[in-house]
Amino acid sequence: MSDDMVLCKSILNEFAIKMNLEKPTYNTAQPESKGLLLVFSSLDFNGISYTDGHSGNKKEVEQLVALAVIISPL
């Protein structure tokens, strides 16, 4: 995981607090598949659901979906 992505969840949480919004809600799942370690995540934030990422671990995929929210247009 790149250094740029490590803080995405923290940045998004701080933004929510400063803007008086509810904190983001992560929905992470690891469907059973034949030998594959994939994790999928969606994030609900400010009335919008974002879906992104698949990876080998929960931490990385949640950072990816938080990054998707940060860089998305308003």
PDB file of N, CA and C in Angstrom:
ATOM      1  N   MET A   1       0.864  -1.164   0.000  1.00  0.00           N
ATOM      2  CA  MET A   1       0.000   0.000   0.000  1.00  0.00           C
ATOM      3  C   MET A   1       0.910   1.226   0.000  1.00  0.00           C
ATOM      4  N   SER A   2       0.594   2.186  -0.835  1.00  0.00           N
ATOM      5  CA  SER A   2       1.429   3.379  -0.927  1.00  0.00           C
ATOM      6  C   SER A   2       1.207   4.280   0.283  1.00  0.00           C
ATOM      7  N   ASP A   3       2.189   5.121   0.546  1.00  0.00           N
ATOM      8  CA  ASP A   3       2.096   6.040   1.675  1.00  0.00           C
ATOM      9  C   ASP A   3       0.921   6.999   1.522  1.00  0.00           C
ATOM     10  N   ASP A   4       0.555   7.344   0.285  1.00  0.00           N
ATOM     11  CA  ASP A   4      -0.556   8.267   0.048  1.00  0.00           C
ATOM     12  C   ASP A   4      -1.888   7.695   0.523  1.00  0.00           C
ATOM     13  N   MET A   5      -2.033   6.378   0.471  1.00  0.00           N
ATOM     14  CA  MET A   5      -3.303   5.756   0.832  1.00  0.00           C
ATOM     15  C   MET A   5      -3.439   5.473   2.318  1.00  0.00           C
ATOM     16  N   VAL A   6      -2.346   5.444   3.048  1.00  0.00           N
ATOM     17  CA  VAL A   6      -2.363   5.008   4.432  1.00  0.00           C
ATOM     18  C   VAL A   6      -3.300   5.843   5.300  1.00  0.00           C
ATOM     19  N   LEU A   7      -3.450   7.115   5.005  1.00  0.00           N
ATOM     20  CA  LEU A   7      -4.237   7.999   5.858  1.00  0.00           C
ATOM     21  C   LEU A   7      -5.629   8.320   5.326  1.00  0.00           C
ATOM     22  N   CYS A   8      -6.061   7.697   4.266  1.00  0.00           N
ATOM     23  CA  CYS A   8      -7.342   8.051   3.646  1.00  0.00           C
ATOM     24  C   CYS A   8      -8.525   7.931   4.596  1.00  0.00           C
ATOM     25  N   LYS A   9      -8.596   6.861   5.379  1.00  0.00           N
ATOM     26  CA  LYS A   9      -9.706   6.710   6.318  1.00  0.00           C
ATOM     27  C   LYS A   9      -9.674   7.810   7.370  1.00  0.00           C
ATOM     28  N   SER A  10      -8.492   8.136   7.865  1.00  0.00           N
ATOM     29  CA  SER A  10      -8.359   9.200   8.868  1.00  0.00           C
ATOM     30  C   SER A  10      -8.758  10.549   8.300  1.00  0.00           C
ATOM     31  N   ILE A  11      -8.318  10.835   7.091  1.00  0.00           N
ATOM     32  CA  ILE A  11      -8.660  12.105   6.441  1.00  0.00           C
ATOM     33  C   ILE A  11     -10.167  12.228   6.283  1.00  0.00           C
ATOM     34  N   LEU A  12     -10.799  11.156   5.827  1.00  0.00           N
ATOM     35  CA  LEU A  12     -12.243  11.179   5.627  1.00  0.00           C
ATOM     36  C   LEU A  12     -12.986  11.346   6.955  1.00  0.00           C
ATOM     37  N   ASN A  13     -12.530  10.676   8.008  1.00  0.00           N
ATOM     38  CA  ASN A  13     -13.150  10.828   9.330  1.00  0.00           C
ATOM     39  C   ASN A  13     -13.005  12.256   9.845  1.00  0.00           C
ATOM     40  N   GLU A  14     -11.830  12.841   9.705  1.00  0.00           N
ATOM     41  CA  GLU A  14     -11.608  14.218  10.150  1.00  0.00           C
ATOM     42  C   GLU A  14     -12.484  15.199   9.375  1.00  0.00           C
ATOM     43  N   PHE A  15     -12.643  14.967   8.078  1.00  0.00           N
ATOM     44  CA  PHE A  15     -13.503  15.813   7.259  1.00  0.00           C
ATOM     45  C   PHE A  15     -14.948  15.740   7.760  1.00  0.00           C
ATOM     46  N   ALA A  16     -15.413  14.533   8.046  1.00  0.00           N
ATOM     47  CA  ALA A  16     -16.784  14.353   8.540  1.00  0.00           C
ATOM     48  C   ALA A  16     -16.990  15.113   9.845  1.00  0.00           C
ATOM     49  N   ILE A  17     -16.026  15.031  10.733  1.00  0.00           N
ATOM     50  CA  ILE A  17     -16.139  15.727  12.018  1.00  0.00           C
ATOM     51  C   ILE A  17     -16.170  17.233  11.815  1.00  0.00           C
ATOM     52  N   LYS A  18     -15.261  17.746  11.004  1.00  0.00           N
ATOM     53  CA  LYS A  18     -15.188  19.193  10.774  1.00  0.00           C
ATOM     54  C   LYS A  18     -16.428  19.742  10.085  1.00  0.00           C
ATOM     55  N   MET A  19     -17.051  18.936   9.229  1.00  0.00           N
ATOM     56  CA  MET A  19     -18.225  19.380   8.475  1.00  0.00           C
ATOM     57  C   MET A  19     -19.535  19.002   9.189  1.00  0.00           C
ATOM     58  N   ASN A  20     -19.431  18.449  10.391  1.00  0.00           N
ATOM     59  CA  ASN A  20     -20.604  18.046  11.166  1.00  0.00           C
ATOM     60  C   ASN A  20     -21.436  16.977  10.446  1.00  0.00           C
ATOM     61  N   LEU A  21     -20.775  16.038   9.808  1.00  0.00           N
ATOM     62  CA  LEU A  21     -21.432  14.944   9.096  1.00  0.00           C
ATOM     63  C   LEU A  21     -21.237  13.647   9.881  1.00  0.00           C
ATOM     64  N   GLU A  22     -22.089  12.675   9.592  1.00  0.00           N
ATOM     65  CA  GLU A  22     -21.899  11.361  10.202  1.00  0.00           C
ATOM     66  C   GLU A  22     -20.623  10.741   9.646  1.00  0.00           C
ATOM     67  N   LYS A  23     -19.943   9.986  10.497  1.00  0.00           N
ATOM     68  CA  LYS A  23     -18.731   9.296  10.044  1.00  0.00           C
ATOM     69  C   LYS A  23     -19.095   8.262   8.985  1.00  0.00           C
ATOM     70  N   PRO A  24     -18.172   7.970   8.090  1.00  0.00           N
ATOM     71  CA  PRO A  24     -18.440   6.970   7.053  1.00  0.00           C
ATOM     72  C   PRO A  24     -18.672   5.588   7.651  1.00  0.00           C
ATOM     73  N   THR A  25     -19.506   4.824   6.972  1.00  0.00           N
ATOM     74  CA  THR A  25     -19.795   3.450   7.376  1.00  0.00           C
ATOM     75  C   THR A  25     -19.226   2.515   6.320  1.00  0.00           C
ATOM     76  N   TYR A  26     -18.348   1.621   6.735  1.00  0.00           N
ATOM     77  CA  TYR A  26     -17.715   0.663   5.821  1.00  0.00           C
ATOM     78  C   TYR A  26     -18.452  -0.663   5.875  1.00  0.00           C
ATOM     79  N   ASN A  27     -18.650  -1.261   4.727  1.00  0.00           N
ATOM     80  CA  ASN A  27     -19.259  -2.579   4.609  1.00  0.00           C
ATOM     81  C   ASN A  27     -18.276  -3.444   3.834  1.00  0.00           C
ATOM     82  N   THR A  28     -17.563  -4.286   4.550  1.00  0.00           N
ATOM     83  CA  THR A  28     -16.495  -5.069   3.938  1.00  0.00           C
ATOM     84  C   THR A  28     -16.870  -6.545   3.968  1.00  0.00           C
ATOM     85  N   ALA A  29     -16.616  -7.213   2.844  1.00  0.00           N
ATOM     86  CA  ALA A  29     -16.967  -8.631   2.749  1.00  0.00           C
ATOM     87  C   ALA A  29     -15.857  -9.392   2.046  1.00  0.00           C
ATOM     88  N   GLN A  30     -15.719 -10.634   2.431  1.00  0.00           N
ATOM     89  CA  GLN A  30     -14.782 -11.524   1.769  1.00  0.00           C
ATOM     90  C   GLN A  30     -15.566 -12.754   1.319  1.00  0.00           C
ATOM     91  N   PRO A  31     -16.079 -12.694   0.078  1.00  0.00           N
ATOM     92  CA  PRO A  31     -16.859 -13.837  -0.406  1.00  0.00           C
ATOM     93  C   PRO A  31     -15.979 -15.078  -0.539  1.00  0.00           C
ATOM     94  N   GLU A  32     -16.589 -16.218  -0.278  1.00  0.00           N
ATOM     95  CA  GLU A  32     -15.836 -17.464  -0.402  1.00  0.00           C
ATOM     96  C   GLU A  32     -15.678 -17.801  -1.880  1.00  0.00           C
ATOM     97  N   SER A  33     -14.453 -17.965  -2.268  1.00  0.00           N
ATOM     98  CA  SER A  33     -14.170 -18.376  -3.636  1.00  0.00           C
ATOM     99  C   SER A  33     -13.021 -19.368  -3.601  1.00  0.00           C
ATOM    100  N   LYS A  34     -12.854 -20.066  -4.661  1.00  0.00           N
ATOM    101  CA  LYS A  34     -11.891 -21.162  -4.712  1.00  0.00           C
ATOM    102  C   LYS A  34     -10.450 -20.652  -4.632  1.00  0.00           C
ATOM    103  N   GLY A  35      -9.937 -20.556  -3.421  1.00  0.00           N
ATOM    104  CA  GLY A  35      -8.547 -20.208  -3.214  1.00  0.00           C
ATOM    105  C   GLY A  35      -8.183 -18.748  -3.405  1.00  0.00           C
ATOM    106  N   LEU A  36      -9.142 -17.910  -3.758  1.00  0.00           N
ATOM    107  CA  LEU A  36      -8.823 -16.500  -3.967  1.00  0.00           C
ATOM    108  C   LEU A  36      -9.070 -15.708  -2.693  1.00  0.00           C
ATOM    109  N   LEU A  37      -8.158 -14.827  -2.373  1.00  0.00           N
ATOM    110  CA  LEU A  37      -8.312 -13.977  -1.204  1.00  0.00           C
ATOM    111  C   LEU A  37      -8.673 -12.575  -1.662  1.00  0.00           C
ATOM    112  N   LEU A  38      -9.928 -12.365  -1.954  1.00  0.00           N
ATOM    113  CA  LEU A  38     -10.400 -11.060  -2.392  1.00  0.00           C
ATOM    114  C   LEU A  38     -11.293 -10.465  -1.323  1.00  0.00           C
ATOM    115  N   VAL A  39     -11.148  -9.169  -1.125  1.00  0.00           N
ATOM    116  CA  VAL A  39     -11.968  -8.451  -0.173  1.00  0.00           C
ATOM    117  C   VAL A  39     -12.600  -7.287  -0.916  1.00  0.00           C
ATOM    118  N   PHE A  40     -13.894  -7.104  -0.742  1.00  0.00           N
ATOM    119  CA  PHE A  40     -14.611  -6.018  -1.392  1.00  0.00           C
ATOM    120  C   PHE A  40     -15.178  -5.108  -0.322  1.00  0.00           C
ATOM    121  N   SER A  41     -15.242  -3.818  -0.617  1.00  0.00           N
ATOM    122  CA  SER A  41     -15.762  -2.891   0.371  1.00  0.00           C
ATOM    123  C   SER A  41     -16.623  -1.838  -0.289  1.00  0.00           C
ATOM    124  N   SER A  42     -17.652  -1.423   0.432  1.00  0.00           N
ATOM    125  CA  SER A  42     -18.422  -0.257   0.026  1.00  0.00           C
ATOM    126  C   SER A  42     -18.438   0.676   1.224  1.00  0.00           C
ATOM    127  N   LEU A  43     -18.720   1.918   0.959  1.00  0.00           N
ATOM    128  CA  LEU A  43     -18.682   2.919   2.009  1.00  0.00           C
ATOM    129  C   LEU A  43     -19.874   3.834   1.810  1.00  0.00           C
ATOM    130  N   ASP A  44     -20.621   4.063   2.870  1.00  0.00           N
ATOM    131  CA  ASP A  44     -21.729   5.012   2.836  1.00  0.00           C
ATOM    132  C   ASP A  44     -21.268   6.285   3.524  1.00  0.00           C
ATOM    133  N   PHE A  45     -21.377   7.409   2.793  1.00  0.00           N
ATOM    134  CA  PHE A  45     -20.924   8.681   3.346  1.00  0.00           C
ATOM    135  C   PHE A  45     -21.764   9.810   2.780  1.00  0.00           C
ATOM    136  N   ASN A  46     -22.336  10.576   3.656  1.00  0.00           N
ATOM    137  CA  ASN A  46     -23.117  11.755   3.283  1.00  0.00           C
ATOM    138  C   ASN A  46     -24.226  11.428   2.274  1.00  0.00           C
ATOM    139  N   GLY A  47     -24.890  10.301   2.497  1.00  0.00           N
ATOM    140  CA  GLY A  47     -26.012   9.915   1.653  1.00  0.00           C
ATOM    141  C   GLY A  47     -25.649   9.252   0.337  1.00  0.00           C
ATOM    142  N   ILE A  48     -24.365   8.982   0.127  1.00  0.00           N
ATOM    143  CA  ILE A  48     -23.915   8.360  -1.128  1.00  0.00           C
ATOM    144  C   ILE A  48     -23.184   7.065  -0.795  1.00  0.00           C
ATOM    145  N   SER A  49     -23.409   6.050  -1.610  1.00  0.00           N
ATOM    146  CA  SER A  49     -22.712   4.780  -1.440  1.00  0.00           C
ATOM    147  C   SER A  49     -21.608   4.676  -2.484  1.00  0.00           C
ATOM    148  N   TYR A  50     -20.407   4.391  -2.041  1.00  0.00           N
ATOM    149  CA  TYR A  50     -19.251   4.249  -2.913  1.00  0.00           C
ATOM    150  C   TYR A  50     -18.786   2.801  -2.848  1.00  0.00           C
ATOM    151  N   THR A  51     -18.383   2.268  -3.979  1.00  0.00           N
ATOM    152  CA  THR A  51     -17.859   0.907  -4.019  1.00  0.00           C
ATOM    153  C   THR A  51     -16.548   0.943  -4.784  1.00  0.00           C
ATOM    154  N   ASP A  52     -15.554   0.299  -4.218  1.00  0.00           N
ATOM    155  CA  ASP A  52     -14.263   0.289  -4.880  1.00  0.00           C
ATOM    156  C   ASP A  52     -13.399  -0.781  -4.254  1.00  0.00           C
ATOM    157  N   GLY A  53     -12.442  -1.166  -4.984  1.00  0.00           N
ATOM    158  CA  GLY A  53     -11.340  -1.940  -4.464  1.00  0.00           C
ATOM    159  C   GLY A  53     -11.577  -3.415  -4.277  1.00  0.00           C
ATOM    160  N   HIS A  54     -10.535  -4.110  -4.448  1.00  0.00           N
ATOM    161  CA  HIS A  54     -10.438  -5.503  -4.071  1.00  0.00           C
ATOM    162  C   HIS A  54      -8.957  -5.763  -3.823  1.00  0.00           C
ATOM    163  N   SER A  55      -8.705  -6.515  -2.817  1.00  0.00           N
ATOM    164  CA  SER A  55      -7.328  -6.697  -2.403  1.00  0.00           C
ATOM    165  C   SER A  55      -7.227  -7.964  -1.585  1.00  0.00           C
ATOM    166  N   GLY A  56      -6.069  -8.174  -1.058  1.00  0.00           N
ATOM    167  CA  GLY A  56      -5.864  -9.338  -0.216  1.00  0.00           C
ATOM    168  C   GLY A  56      -6.167  -9.090   1.245  1.00  0.00           C
ATOM    169  N   ASN A  57      -6.451  -7.829   1.625  1.00  0.00           N
ATOM    170  CA  ASN A  57      -6.740  -7.607   3.035  1.00  0.00           C
ATOM    171  C   ASN A  57      -7.726  -6.464   3.245  1.00  0.00           C
ATOM    172  N   LYS A  58      -8.416  -6.539   4.372  1.00  0.00           N
ATOM    173  CA  LYS A  58      -9.482  -5.593   4.707  1.00  0.00           C
ATOM    174  C   LYS A  58      -8.957  -4.165   4.835  1.00  0.00           C
ATOM    175  N   LYS A  59      -7.828  -3.990   5.486  1.00  0.00           N
ATOM    176  CA  LYS A  59      -7.281  -2.657   5.724  1.00  0.00           C
ATOM    177  C   LYS A  59      -7.025  -1.915   4.407  1.00  0.00           C
ATOM    178  N   GLU A  60      -6.409  -2.599   3.464  1.00  0.00           N
ATOM    179  CA  GLU A  60      -6.087  -1.962   2.189  1.00  0.00           C
ATOM    180  C   GLU A  60      -7.335  -1.611   1.387  1.00  0.00           C
ATOM    181  N   VAL A  61      -8.310  -2.494   1.349  1.00  0.00           N
ATOM    182  CA  VAL A  61      -9.504  -2.231   0.545  1.00  0.00           C
ATOM    183  C   VAL A  61     -10.330  -1.094   1.148  1.00  0.00           C
ATOM    184  N   GLU A  62     -10.342  -0.968   2.469  1.00  0.00           N
ATOM    185  CA  GLU A  62     -11.060   0.150   3.079  1.00  0.00           C
ATOM    186  C   GLU A  62     -10.348   1.474   2.791  1.00  0.00           C
ATOM    187  N   GLN A  63      -9.024   1.458   2.743  1.00  0.00           N
ATOM    188  CA  GLN A  63      -8.283   2.662   2.366  1.00  0.00           C
ATOM    189  C   GLN A  63      -8.574   3.028   0.903  1.00  0.00           C
ATOM    190  N   LEU A  64      -8.683   2.027   0.034  1.00  0.00           N
ATOM    191  CA  LEU A  64      -8.980   2.278  -1.379  1.00  0.00           C
ATOM    192  C   LEU A  64     -10.347   2.925  -1.564  1.00  0.00           C
ATOM    193  N   VAL A  65     -11.339   2.430  -0.862  1.00  0.00           N
ATOM    194  CA  VAL A  65     -12.675   2.996  -1.015  1.00  0.00           C
ATOM    195  C   VAL A  65     -12.749   4.385  -0.382  1.00  0.00           C
ATOM    196  N   ALA A  66     -12.005   4.620   0.701  1.00  0.00           N
ATOM    197  CA  ALA A  66     -11.942   5.967   1.281  1.00  0.00           C
ATOM    198  C   ALA A  66     -11.276   6.929   0.297  1.00  0.00           C
ATOM    199  N   LEU A  67     -10.238   6.481  -0.380  1.00  0.00           N
ATOM    200  CA  LEU A  67      -9.583   7.296  -1.398  1.00  0.00           C
ATOM    201  C   LEU A  67     -10.545   7.636  -2.518  1.00  0.00           C
ATOM    202  N   ALA A  68     -11.380   6.671  -2.912  1.00  0.00           N
ATOM    203  CA  ALA A  68     -12.374   6.922  -3.969  1.00  0.00           C
ATOM    204  C   ALA A  68     -13.323   8.050  -3.573  1.00  0.00           C
ATOM    205  N   VAL A  69     -13.696   8.119  -2.305  1.00  0.00           N
ATOM    206  CA  VAL A  69     -14.563   9.203  -1.827  1.00  0.00           C
ATOM    207  C   VAL A  69     -13.811  10.515  -1.855  1.00  0.00           C
ATOM    208  N   ILE A  70     -12.591  10.519  -1.382  1.00  0.00           N
ATOM    209  CA  ILE A  70     -11.795  11.754  -1.317  1.00  0.00           C
ATOM    210  C   ILE A  70     -11.604  12.380  -2.696  1.00  0.00           C
ATOM    211  N   ILE A  71     -11.356  11.556  -3.700  1.00  0.00           N
ATOM    212  CA  ILE A  71     -11.063  12.113  -5.039  1.00  0.00           C
ATOM    213  C   ILE A  71     -12.310  12.259  -5.908  1.00  0.00           C
ATOM    214  N   SER A  72     -13.457  11.827  -5.408  1.00  0.00           N
ATOM    215  CA  SER A  72     -14.675  11.943  -6.214  1.00  0.00           C
ATOM    216  C   SER A  72     -15.147  13.401  -6.248  1.00  0.00           C
ATOM    217  N   PRO A  73     -15.748  13.811  -7.379  1.00  0.00           N
ATOM    218  CA  PRO A  73     -16.273  15.174  -7.445  1.00  0.00           C
ATOM    219  C   PRO A  73     -17.501  15.319  -6.559  1.00  0.00           C
ATOM    220  N   LEU A  74     -17.723  16.500  -6.050  1.00  0.00           N
ATOM    221  CA  LEU A  74     -18.885  16.740  -5.178  1.00  0.00           C
ATOM    222  C   LEU A  74     -20.160  16.808  -5.952  1.00  0.00           C
TER     223      LEU A  74
END
